[in-house]
Amino acid sequence: MKTKRVIVDKFDVVLIKWIDAVSCPGWKDIEEWSIHPYYVNSVGMFLGEDEKHWTLCLNYAWFNDQVSDTVSIPKRMITHVEVLKRAKTL
């Protein structure tokens, strides 16, 4: 009898720390202007990478193999990557 492989956790869950671009709307006096980068922590399921980006998603629907709420983070902005939970199958 053949056993069926069941997907328990299809994707690694990762933490990516990165520095986001910043925009300051409106006019300001030059003395009031300053740069304050946004330091961001993103946690999600790792979908993959290409030469320039890592892509995460927040939701995965196993019944139709769809994902939602994806974010692609430029590798040049990433400061740290940590695998929180490895994918596994039964």
N, C-alpha and C. Protein backbone atom coordinates (compact mmCIF):
# COMPACT_ATOMS: atom_id res chain seq x y z
N MET A 1 0.84 -1.18 0.00
CA MET A 1 0.00 0.00 0.00
C MET A 1 0.88 1.25 0.00
N LYS A 2 0.58 2.13 -0.89
CA LYS A 2 1.34 3.36 -1.00
C LYS A 2 0.82 4.39 0.01
N THR A 3 1.76 5.07 0.66
CA THR A 3 1.33 6.12 1.59
C THR A 3 1.30 7.45 0.87
N LYS A 4 0.36 8.27 1.25
CA LYS A 4 0.21 9.59 0.66
C LYS A 4 1.03 10.58 1.48
N ARG A 5 1.79 11.41 0.79
CA ARG A 5 2.57 12.45 1.46
C ARG A 5 1.65 13.62 1.81
N VAL A 6 1.67 14.02 3.06
CA VAL A 6 0.83 15.12 3.52
C VAL A 6 1.73 16.31 3.85
N ILE A 7 1.38 17.46 3.31
CA ILE A 7 2.15 18.67 3.60
C ILE A 7 1.69 19.24 4.92
N VAL A 8 2.61 19.34 5.85
CA VAL A 8 2.31 19.91 7.16
C VAL A 8 2.65 21.40 7.14
N ASP A 9 3.88 21.72 6.84
CA ASP A 9 4.33 23.10 6.71
C ASP A 9 5.12 23.19 5.41
N LYS A 10 4.51 23.77 4.40
CA LYS A 10 5.11 23.78 3.06
C LYS A 10 6.30 24.72 2.94
N PHE A 11 6.32 25.79 3.74
CA PHE A 11 7.34 26.82 3.60
C PHE A 11 8.09 27.02 4.91
N ASP A 12 9.36 27.42 4.79
CA ASP A 12 10.08 27.89 5.97
C ASP A 12 9.43 29.20 6.44
N VAL A 13 9.40 29.38 7.75
CA VAL A 13 8.96 30.66 8.32
C VAL A 13 10.23 31.41 8.70
N VAL A 14 10.37 32.63 8.19
CA VAL A 14 11.60 33.40 8.40
C VAL A 14 11.32 34.78 8.97
N LEU A 15 12.34 35.31 9.64
CA LEU A 15 12.37 36.69 10.09
C LEU A 15 13.39 37.41 9.22
N ILE A 16 12.97 38.48 8.59
CA ILE A 16 13.89 39.31 7.80
C ILE A 16 13.90 40.71 8.42
N LYS A 17 15.10 41.16 8.79
CA LYS A 17 15.28 42.52 9.28
C LYS A 17 15.84 43.33 8.11
N TRP A 18 15.24 44.50 7.88
CA TRP A 18 15.65 45.29 6.73
C TRP A 18 15.38 46.77 6.96
N ILE A 19 16.02 47.59 6.15
CA ILE A 19 15.89 49.04 6.23
C ILE A 19 15.04 49.49 5.05
N ASP A 20 13.92 50.13 5.35
CA ASP A 20 12.99 50.57 4.32
C ASP A 20 13.29 52.00 3.88
N ALA A 21 12.88 52.33 2.68
CA ALA A 21 12.99 53.69 2.17
C ALA A 21 12.00 54.59 2.92
N VAL A 22 12.31 55.87 3.00
CA VAL A 22 11.49 56.81 3.76
C VAL A 22 11.12 57.99 2.88
N SER A 23 9.89 58.45 3.03
CA SER A 23 9.44 59.65 2.34
C SER A 23 8.83 60.59 3.37
N CYS A 24 9.14 61.86 3.27
CA CYS A 24 8.58 62.88 4.17
C CYS A 24 7.71 63.82 3.34
N PRO A 25 6.38 63.73 3.51
CA PRO A 25 5.49 64.57 2.70
C PRO A 25 5.50 66.02 3.16
N GLY A 26 5.17 66.91 2.24
CA GLY A 26 5.02 68.32 2.57
C GLY A 26 6.33 69.08 2.55
N TRP A 27 6.19 70.39 2.68
CA TRP A 27 7.34 71.29 2.69
C TRP A 27 7.85 71.47 4.10
N LYS A 28 9.18 71.57 4.25
CA LYS A 28 9.81 71.80 5.54
C LYS A 28 10.95 72.80 5.36
N ASP A 29 11.21 73.55 6.41
CA ASP A 29 12.41 74.39 6.41
C ASP A 29 13.62 73.48 6.39
N ILE A 30 14.67 73.88 5.73
CA ILE A 30 15.87 73.06 5.59
C ILE A 30 16.43 72.66 6.95
N GLU A 31 16.27 73.50 7.96
CA GLU A 31 16.77 73.18 9.30
C GLU A 31 15.97 72.05 9.96
N GLU A 32 14.72 71.84 9.53
CA GLU A 32 13.86 70.80 10.11
C GLU A 32 14.01 69.47 9.41
N TRP A 33 14.65 69.47 8.27
CA TRP A 33 14.77 68.26 7.47
C TRP A 33 15.78 67.31 8.09
N SER A 34 15.45 66.03 8.14
CA SER A 34 16.40 65.02 8.60
C SER A 34 15.99 63.66 8.04
N ILE A 35 16.94 62.77 8.00
CA ILE A 35 16.69 61.43 7.50
C ILE A 35 16.60 60.47 8.69
N HIS A 36 15.51 59.75 8.77
CA HIS A 36 15.33 58.72 9.79
C HIS A 36 14.85 57.46 9.08
N PRO A 37 15.76 56.55 8.76
CA PRO A 37 15.34 55.33 8.06
C PRO A 37 14.42 54.49 8.94
N TYR A 38 13.57 53.71 8.32
CA TYR A 38 12.67 52.81 9.03
C TYR A 38 13.32 51.43 9.11
N TYR A 39 13.50 50.96 10.32
CA TYR A 39 14.02 49.61 10.54
C TYR A 39 12.82 48.69 10.69
N VAL A 40 12.74 47.69 9.84
CA VAL A 40 11.54 46.85 9.75
C VAL A 40 11.90 45.39 10.05
N ASN A 41 11.01 44.71 10.79
CA ASN A 41 11.09 43.27 10.98
C ASN A 41 9.89 42.66 10.27
N SER A 42 10.13 41.77 9.31
CA SER A 42 9.05 41.08 8.61
C SER A 42 9.16 39.59 8.89
N VAL A 43 8.03 38.99 9.27
CA VAL A 43 7.97 37.55 9.52
C VAL A 43 6.94 36.98 8.56
N GLY A 44 7.31 35.91 7.87
CA GLY A 44 6.37 35.28 6.95
C GLY A 44 6.92 33.99 6.40
N MET A 45 6.13 33.38 5.52
CA MET A 45 6.54 32.15 4.86
C MET A 45 7.40 32.50 3.65
N PHE A 46 8.56 31.89 3.57
CA PHE A 46 9.53 32.18 2.52
C PHE A 46 9.10 31.50 1.23
N LEU A 47 8.75 32.32 0.22
CA LEU A 47 8.31 31.79 -1.07
C LEU A 47 9.46 31.55 -2.03
N GLY A 48 10.53 32.35 -1.91
CA GLY A 48 11.65 32.18 -2.81
C GLY A 48 12.44 33.46 -2.96
N GLU A 49 13.47 33.36 -3.79
CA GLU A 49 14.32 34.51 -4.03
C GLU A 49 14.79 34.50 -5.47
N ASP A 50 15.15 35.67 -5.94
CA ASP A 50 15.85 35.79 -7.21
C ASP A 50 17.14 36.54 -6.93
N GLU A 51 17.79 37.04 -7.96
CA GLU A 51 19.09 37.69 -7.75
C GLU A 51 18.97 39.01 -6.98
N LYS A 52 17.77 39.60 -6.90
CA LYS A 52 17.63 40.90 -6.26
C LYS A 52 16.67 40.95 -5.06
N HIS A 53 15.81 39.94 -4.88
CA HIS A 53 14.75 40.02 -3.86
C HIS A 53 14.56 38.70 -3.12
N TRP A 54 14.05 38.81 -1.89
CA TRP A 54 13.49 37.69 -1.14
C TRP A 54 11.99 37.97 -1.05
N THR A 55 11.16 36.94 -1.21
CA THR A 55 9.72 37.13 -1.18
C THR A 55 9.09 36.28 -0.07
N LEU A 56 8.23 36.94 0.73
CA LEU A 56 7.49 36.29 1.81
C LEU A 56 6.00 36.42 1.55
N CYS A 57 5.22 35.53 2.17
CA CYS A 57 3.77 35.70 2.18
C CYS A 57 3.27 35.50 3.61
N LEU A 58 2.13 36.08 3.90
CA LEU A 58 1.54 35.94 5.22
C LEU A 58 0.55 34.78 5.29
N ASN A 59 -0.08 34.45 4.17
CA ASN A 59 -1.14 33.43 4.18
C ASN A 59 -0.92 32.41 3.07
N TYR A 60 -1.22 31.16 3.40
CA TYR A 60 -1.17 30.07 2.42
C TYR A 60 -2.42 29.22 2.58
N ALA A 61 -3.16 29.03 1.49
CA ALA A 61 -4.36 28.19 1.48
C ALA A 61 -3.99 26.85 0.85
N TRP A 62 -3.86 25.83 1.68
CA TRP A 62 -3.41 24.51 1.20
C TRP A 62 -4.41 23.85 0.26
N PHE A 63 -5.71 24.15 0.41
CA PHE A 63 -6.73 23.47 -0.39
C PHE A 63 -6.71 23.87 -1.85
N ASN A 64 -6.19 25.08 -2.15
CA ASN A 64 -6.09 25.49 -3.56
C ASN A 64 -4.70 25.99 -3.93
N ASP A 65 -3.74 25.81 -3.01
CA ASP A 65 -2.33 26.15 -3.25
C ASP A 65 -2.15 27.60 -3.69
N GLN A 66 -2.81 28.52 -2.95
CA GLN A 66 -2.68 29.94 -3.23
C GLN A 66 -2.08 30.67 -2.03
N VAL A 67 -1.43 31.79 -2.30
CA VAL A 67 -0.86 32.63 -1.25
C VAL A 67 -1.44 34.02 -1.35
N SER A 68 -1.37 34.77 -0.23
CA SER A 68 -1.82 36.16 -0.25
C SER A 68 -0.91 37.00 0.63
N ASP A 69 -1.03 38.30 0.46
CA ASP A 69 -0.27 39.27 1.24
C ASP A 69 1.23 39.01 1.14
N THR A 70 1.74 39.13 -0.09
CA THR A 70 3.16 38.91 -0.34
C THR A 70 3.94 40.22 -0.25
N VAL A 71 5.21 40.08 0.07
CA VAL A 71 6.12 41.23 0.08
C VAL A 71 7.45 40.76 -0.50
N SER A 72 7.99 41.53 -1.42
CA SER A 72 9.31 41.27 -1.98
C SER A 72 10.26 42.34 -1.47
N ILE A 73 11.30 41.90 -0.77
CA ILE A 73 12.23 42.82 -0.12
C ILE A 73 13.55 42.81 -0.89
N PRO A 74 14.02 43.98 -1.33
CA PRO A 74 15.30 44.02 -2.03
C PRO A 74 16.44 43.52 -1.14
N LYS A 75 17.27 42.64 -1.67
CA LYS A 75 18.38 42.07 -0.90
C LYS A 75 19.32 43.13 -0.37
N ARG A 76 19.49 44.22 -1.09
CA ARG A 76 20.41 45.27 -0.67
C ARG A 76 19.93 45.99 0.59
N MET A 77 18.62 45.85 0.92
CA MET A 77 18.07 46.49 2.11
C MET A 77 18.04 45.54 3.32
N ILE A 78 18.32 44.26 3.10
CA ILE A 78 18.25 43.25 4.17
C ILE A 78 19.51 43.30 5.02
N THR A 79 19.31 43.32 6.33
CA THR A 79 20.44 43.32 7.27
C THR A 79 20.58 42.00 8.02
N HIS A 80 19.51 41.18 8.06
CA HIS A 80 19.55 39.93 8.83
C HIS A 80 18.44 39.01 8.36
N VAL A 81 18.73 37.70 8.27
CA VAL A 81 17.73 36.69 7.95
C VAL A 81 17.89 35.55 8.95
N GLU A 82 16.77 35.12 9.50
CA GLU A 82 16.77 34.02 10.47
C GLU A 82 15.61 33.08 10.18
N VAL A 83 15.89 31.78 10.08
CA VAL A 83 14.83 30.80 9.90
C VAL A 83 14.25 30.49 11.27
N LEU A 84 12.95 30.76 11.42
CA LEU A 84 12.28 30.52 12.69
C LEU A 84 11.71 29.11 12.79
N LYS A 85 11.27 28.58 11.63
CA LYS A 85 10.71 27.23 11.60
C LYS A 85 10.90 26.65 10.21
N ARG A 86 11.45 25.46 10.14
CA ARG A 86 11.71 24.80 8.86
C ARG A 86 10.44 24.14 8.32
N ALA A 87 10.32 24.11 7.00
CA ALA A 87 9.21 23.40 6.35
C ALA A 87 9.36 21.92 6.65
N LYS A 88 8.22 21.21 6.68
CA LYS A 88 8.27 19.76 6.89
C LYS A 88 7.07 19.09 6.25
N THR A 89 7.25 17.84 5.89
CA THR A 89 6.18 17.04 5.33
C THR A 89 6.12 15.71 6.07
N LEU A 90 4.98 15.07 6.01
CA LEU A 90 4.80 13.72 6.58
C LEU A 90 4.61 12.72 5.47
